[in-house]
C-alpha atoms as a PDB file:
ATOM      1  CA  MET A   1      -5.869   1.881  12.762  1.00  0.00           C
ATOM      2  CA  LEU A   2      -8.675   0.758  15.038  1.00  0.00           C
ATOM      3  CA  LYS A   3     -11.203   0.418  12.189  1.00  0.00           C
ATOM      4  CA  ILE A   4      -8.877  -1.880  10.275  1.00  0.00           C
ATOM      5  CA  CYS A   5      -8.409  -4.097  13.315  1.00  0.00           C
ATOM      6  CA  GLU A   6     -12.158  -4.102  14.059  1.00  0.00           C
ATOM      7  CA  ASN A   7     -12.882  -5.274  10.512  1.00  0.00           C
ATOM      8  CA  ASP A   8     -10.342  -8.094  10.739  1.00  0.00           C
ATOM      9  CA  GLN A   9      -8.246  -6.560   7.983  1.00  0.00           C
ATOM     10  CA  ARG A  10      -4.513  -7.158   7.808  1.00  0.00           C
ATOM     11  CA  ILE A  11      -1.798  -4.709   6.898  1.00  0.00           C
ATOM     12  CA  ALA A  12       0.971  -5.775   4.546  1.00  0.00           C
ATOM     13  CA  LEU A  13       3.891  -3.486   3.807  1.00  0.00           C
ATOM     14  CA  ALA A  14       5.439  -3.610   0.337  1.00  0.00           C
ATOM     15  CA  SER A  15       8.369  -1.215   0.248  1.00  0.00           C
ATOM     16  CA  SER A  16      11.106  -0.833  -2.331  1.00  0.00           C
ATOM     17  CA  GLY A  17      13.499   0.114   0.462  1.00  0.00           C
ATOM     18  CA  LYS A  18      16.132  -2.261   1.786  1.00  0.00           C
ATOM     19  CA  LYS A  19      15.096  -4.581   4.609  1.00  0.00           C
ATOM     20  CA  ASP A  20      17.093  -2.741   7.301  1.00  0.00           C
ATOM     21  CA  GLU A  21      15.715   0.631   6.130  1.00  0.00           C
ATOM     22  CA  VAL A  22      12.143  -0.669   6.225  1.00  0.00           C
ATOM     23  CA  LYS A  23      12.671  -1.927   9.771  1.00  0.00           C
ATOM     24  CA  GLU A  24      13.920   1.506  10.864  1.00  0.00           C
ATOM     25  CA  TYR A  25      11.101   3.399   9.090  1.00  0.00           C
ATOM     26  CA  LYS A  26       8.520   1.145  10.758  1.00  0.00           C
ATOM     27  CA  ARG A  27      10.089   1.934  14.123  1.00  0.00           C
ATOM     28  CA  ILE A  28      10.107   5.688  13.432  1.00  0.00           C
ATOM     29  CA  ALA A  29       6.483   5.616  12.242  1.00  0.00           C
ATOM     30  CA  GLN A  30       5.543   3.473  15.261  1.00  0.00           C
ATOM     31  CA  ILE A  31       3.798   0.859  13.101  1.00  0.00           C
ATOM     32  CA  THR A  32       5.924  -2.180  13.900  1.00  0.00           C
ATOM     33  CA  ASP A  33       3.064  -3.897  15.715  1.00  0.00           C
ATOM     34  CA  LEU A  34       0.523  -3.096  12.961  1.00  0.00           C
ATOM     35  CA  VAL A  35       2.291  -4.727  10.020  1.00  0.00           C
ATOM     36  CA  GLY A  36       1.525  -8.422   9.678  1.00  0.00           C
ATOM     37  CA  VAL A  37       3.364  -9.170   6.433  1.00  0.00           C
ATOM     38  CA  GLU A  38       6.131  -7.223   4.760  1.00  0.00           C
ATOM     39  CA  THR A  39       8.376  -7.250   1.748  1.00  0.00           C
ATOM     40  CA  SER A  40      11.302  -5.042   0.879  1.00  0.00           C
ATOM     41  CA  GLY A  41      13.415  -4.274  -2.142  1.00  0.00           C
ATOM     42  CA  ASP A  42      15.467  -7.307  -1.125  1.00  0.00           C
ATOM     43  CA  ASP A  43      12.475  -9.474  -2.131  1.00  0.00           C
ATOM     44  CA  ALA A  44      12.121  -7.986  -5.612  1.00  0.00           C
ATOM     45  CA  GLU A  45      14.268  -8.104  -8.704  1.00  0.00           C
ATOM     46  CA  ARG A  46      12.997  -4.770 -10.038  1.00  0.00           C
ATOM     47  CA  SER A  47      11.655  -1.665  -8.330  1.00  0.00           C
ATOM     48  CA  LYS A  48       8.308   0.036  -8.954  1.00  0.00           C
ATOM     49  CA  PRO A  49       6.731   0.648 -11.437  1.00  0.00           C
ATOM     50  CA  ALA A  50       7.567  -3.030 -12.022  1.00  0.00           C
ATOM     51  CA  PRO A  51       5.097  -5.124 -10.012  1.00  0.00           C
ATOM     52  CA  ASP A  52       7.751  -7.383  -8.429  1.00  0.00           C
ATOM     53  CA  ILE A  53       7.318  -6.065  -4.879  1.00  0.00           C
ATOM     54  CA  PHE A  54       3.556  -6.589  -5.034  1.00  0.00           C
ATOM     55  CA  ARG A  55       4.011 -10.088  -6.420  1.00  0.00           C
ATOM     56  CA  ALA A  56       6.264 -10.830  -3.446  1.00  0.00           C
ATOM     57  CA  VAL A  57       3.665  -9.629  -0.942  1.00  0.00           C
ATOM     58  CA  LEU A  58       0.920 -11.547  -2.770  1.00  0.00           C
ATOM     59  CA  ALA A  59       2.977 -14.723  -2.392  1.00  0.00           C
ATOM     60  CA  LYS A  60       3.174 -14.112   1.358  1.00  0.00           C
ATOM     61  CA  LEU A  61      -0.581 -13.468   1.548  1.00  0.00           C
ATOM     62  CA  SER A  62      -1.572 -16.552  -0.429  1.00  0.00           C
ATOM     63  CA  PRO A  63      -4.287 -17.765  -0.903  1.00  0.00           C
ATOM     64  CA  LEU A  64      -5.684 -14.208  -1.002  1.00  0.00           C
ATOM     65  CA  LEU A  65      -6.345 -12.966  -4.519  1.00  0.00           C
ATOM     66  CA  PRO A  66      -5.755  -9.454  -5.909  1.00  0.00           C
ATOM     67  CA  LEU A  67      -9.487  -8.716  -5.648  1.00  0.00           C
ATOM     68  CA  HIS A  68      -9.181  -9.117  -1.859  1.00  0.00           C
ATOM     69  CA  LEU A  69      -6.363  -6.576  -1.564  1.00  0.00           C
ATOM     70  CA  LEU A  70      -6.007  -2.825  -1.797  1.00  0.00           C
ATOM     71  CA  VAL A  71      -2.763  -0.893  -2.195  1.00  0.00           C
ATOM     72  CA  VAL A  72      -2.310   2.449  -0.442  1.00  0.00           C
ATOM     73  CA  GLY A  73       0.519   4.507  -1.909  1.00  0.00           C
ATOM     74  CA  GLY A  74       1.806   8.015  -2.364  1.00  0.00           C
ATOM     75  CA  THR A  75       3.346   7.840  -5.819  1.00  0.00           C
ATOM     76  CA  PRO A  76       2.131   7.073  -9.324  1.00  0.00           C
ATOM     77  CA  TYR A  77       4.659   4.211  -9.376  1.00  0.00           C
ATOM     78  CA  ASP A  78       2.672   2.460  -6.648  1.00  0.00           C
ATOM     79  CA  ALA A  79      -0.516   2.566  -8.729  1.00  0.00           C
ATOM     80  CA  GLU A  80       1.229   1.677 -11.978  1.00  0.00           C
ATOM     81  CA  ALA A  81       2.920  -1.370 -10.404  1.00  0.00           C
ATOM     82  CA  ALA A  82      -0.281  -2.486  -8.681  1.00  0.00           C
ATOM     83  CA  ASN A  83      -2.379  -2.108 -11.833  1.00  0.00           C
ATOM     84  CA  LYS A  84      -0.056  -4.446 -13.719  1.00  0.00           C
ATOM     85  CA  ILE A  85      -1.179  -7.324 -11.499  1.00  0.00           C
ATOM     86  CA  HIS A  86      -4.814  -6.216 -11.073  1.00  0.00           C
ATOM     87  CA  LEU A  87      -4.513  -4.592  -7.649  1.00  0.00           C
ATOM     88  CA  LYS A  88      -6.534  -1.455  -6.962  1.00  0.00           C
ATOM     89  CA  THR A  89      -4.789   1.549  -5.420  1.00  0.00           C
ATOM     90  CA  VAL A  90      -5.794   4.369  -3.089  1.00  0.00           C
ATOM     91  CA  GLY A  91      -3.505   7.370  -3.451  1.00  0.00           C
ATOM     92  CA  LEU A  92      -2.162   9.697  -0.773  1.00  0.00           C
ATOM     93  CA  LEU A  93      -1.308  13.305  -1.615  1.00  0.00           C
ATOM     94  CA  SER A  94       1.131  13.387   1.312  1.00  0.00           C
ATOM     95  CA  GLY A  95       3.600  11.584  -0.978  1.00  0.00           C
ATOM     96  CA  GLY A  96       3.996  14.853  -2.891  1.00  0.00           C
ATOM     97  CA  THR A  97       2.333  13.805  -6.154  1.00  0.00           C
ATOM     98  CA  PRO A  98      -0.510  16.006  -7.475  1.00  0.00           C
ATOM     99  CA  LEU A  99      -4.065  14.642  -7.529  1.00  0.00           C
ATOM    100  CA  ASP A 100      -4.321  14.562 -11.335  1.00  0.00           C
ATOM    101  CA  ARG A 101      -1.125  12.483 -11.624  1.00  0.00           C
ATOM    102  CA  LEU A 102      -2.338   9.937  -9.043  1.00  0.00           C
ATOM    103  CA  ARG A 103      -5.687   9.649 -10.836  1.00  0.00           C
ATOM    104  CA  ALA A 104      -3.955   9.264 -14.226  1.00  0.00           C
ATOM    105  CA  ALA A 105      -1.812   6.470 -12.759  1.00  0.00           C
ATOM    106  CA  GLY A 106      -4.975   4.570 -11.828  1.00  0.00           C
ATOM    107  CA  CYS A 107      -5.810   5.440  -8.217  1.00  0.00           C
ATOM    108  CA  ILE A 108      -9.472   4.664  -7.529  1.00  0.00           C
ATOM    109  CA  ALA A 109      -9.602   7.192  -4.664  1.00  0.00           C
ATOM    110  CA  VAL A 110      -7.222   9.828  -3.309  1.00  0.00           C
ATOM    111  CA  PHE A 111      -6.870  11.203   0.224  1.00  0.00           C
ATOM    112  CA  GLN A 112      -4.684  13.933   1.703  1.00  0.00           C
ATOM    113  CA  SER A 113      -2.787  11.670   4.113  1.00  0.00           C
ATOM    114  CA  PRO A 114      -3.040   8.418   6.060  1.00  0.00           C
ATOM    115  CA  ALA A 115      -4.851  10.352   8.802  1.00  0.00           C
ATOM    116  CA  ASP A 116      -7.351  11.707   6.260  1.00  0.00           C
ATOM    117  CA  LEU A 117      -7.920   8.187   4.908  1.00  0.00           C
ATOM    118  CA  LEU A 118      -8.642   6.894   8.414  1.00  0.00           C
ATOM    119  CA  THR A 119     -10.922   9.868   9.158  1.00  0.00           C
ATOM    120  CA  HIS A 120     -12.923   9.024   6.026  1.00  0.00           C
ATOM    121  CA  TYR A 121     -12.553   5.270   6.426  1.00  0.00           C
ATOM    122  CA  ASP A 122     -16.292   4.530   6.196  1.00  0.00           C
ATOM    123  CA  GLU A 123     -16.529   6.270   2.800  1.00  0.00           C
ATOM    124  CA  SER A 124     -13.248   4.832   1.512  1.00  0.00           C
ATOM    125  CA  PRO A 125     -12.557   1.718  -0.534  1.00  0.00           C
ATOM    126  CA  LEU A 126     -10.946   0.247   2.604  1.00  0.00           C
ATOM    127  CA  SER A 127     -14.356  -0.215   4.191  1.00  0.00           C
ATOM    128  CA  ARG A 128     -15.764  -2.229   1.286  1.00  0.00           C
END
């Protein structure tokens, strides 16, 4: 995550999980201190592929516009929801979805895993 911090980028977490589940998953993944803004399924009326969760995170990131944000997700539902409100998505194969399905859902780039994305950070959409 060093590159993200060096570039003054912020991490927002938009999960469809319940607030208490998200808190526990952040602890397990050891990312509690990396996430600046978060939303959970408790903040959205409908789950992905509806864009509600991304609208909720956008509201918390205001005045940033969709063109300033990039979604990273492991399912086609992430890309489909993001596309509905003009957010671009980077896909992760570690979510279990095949490459062709992530591309068809609208992912602008696809990486094997979060680690692979960070390894190739300089060539990724995150660096732009």
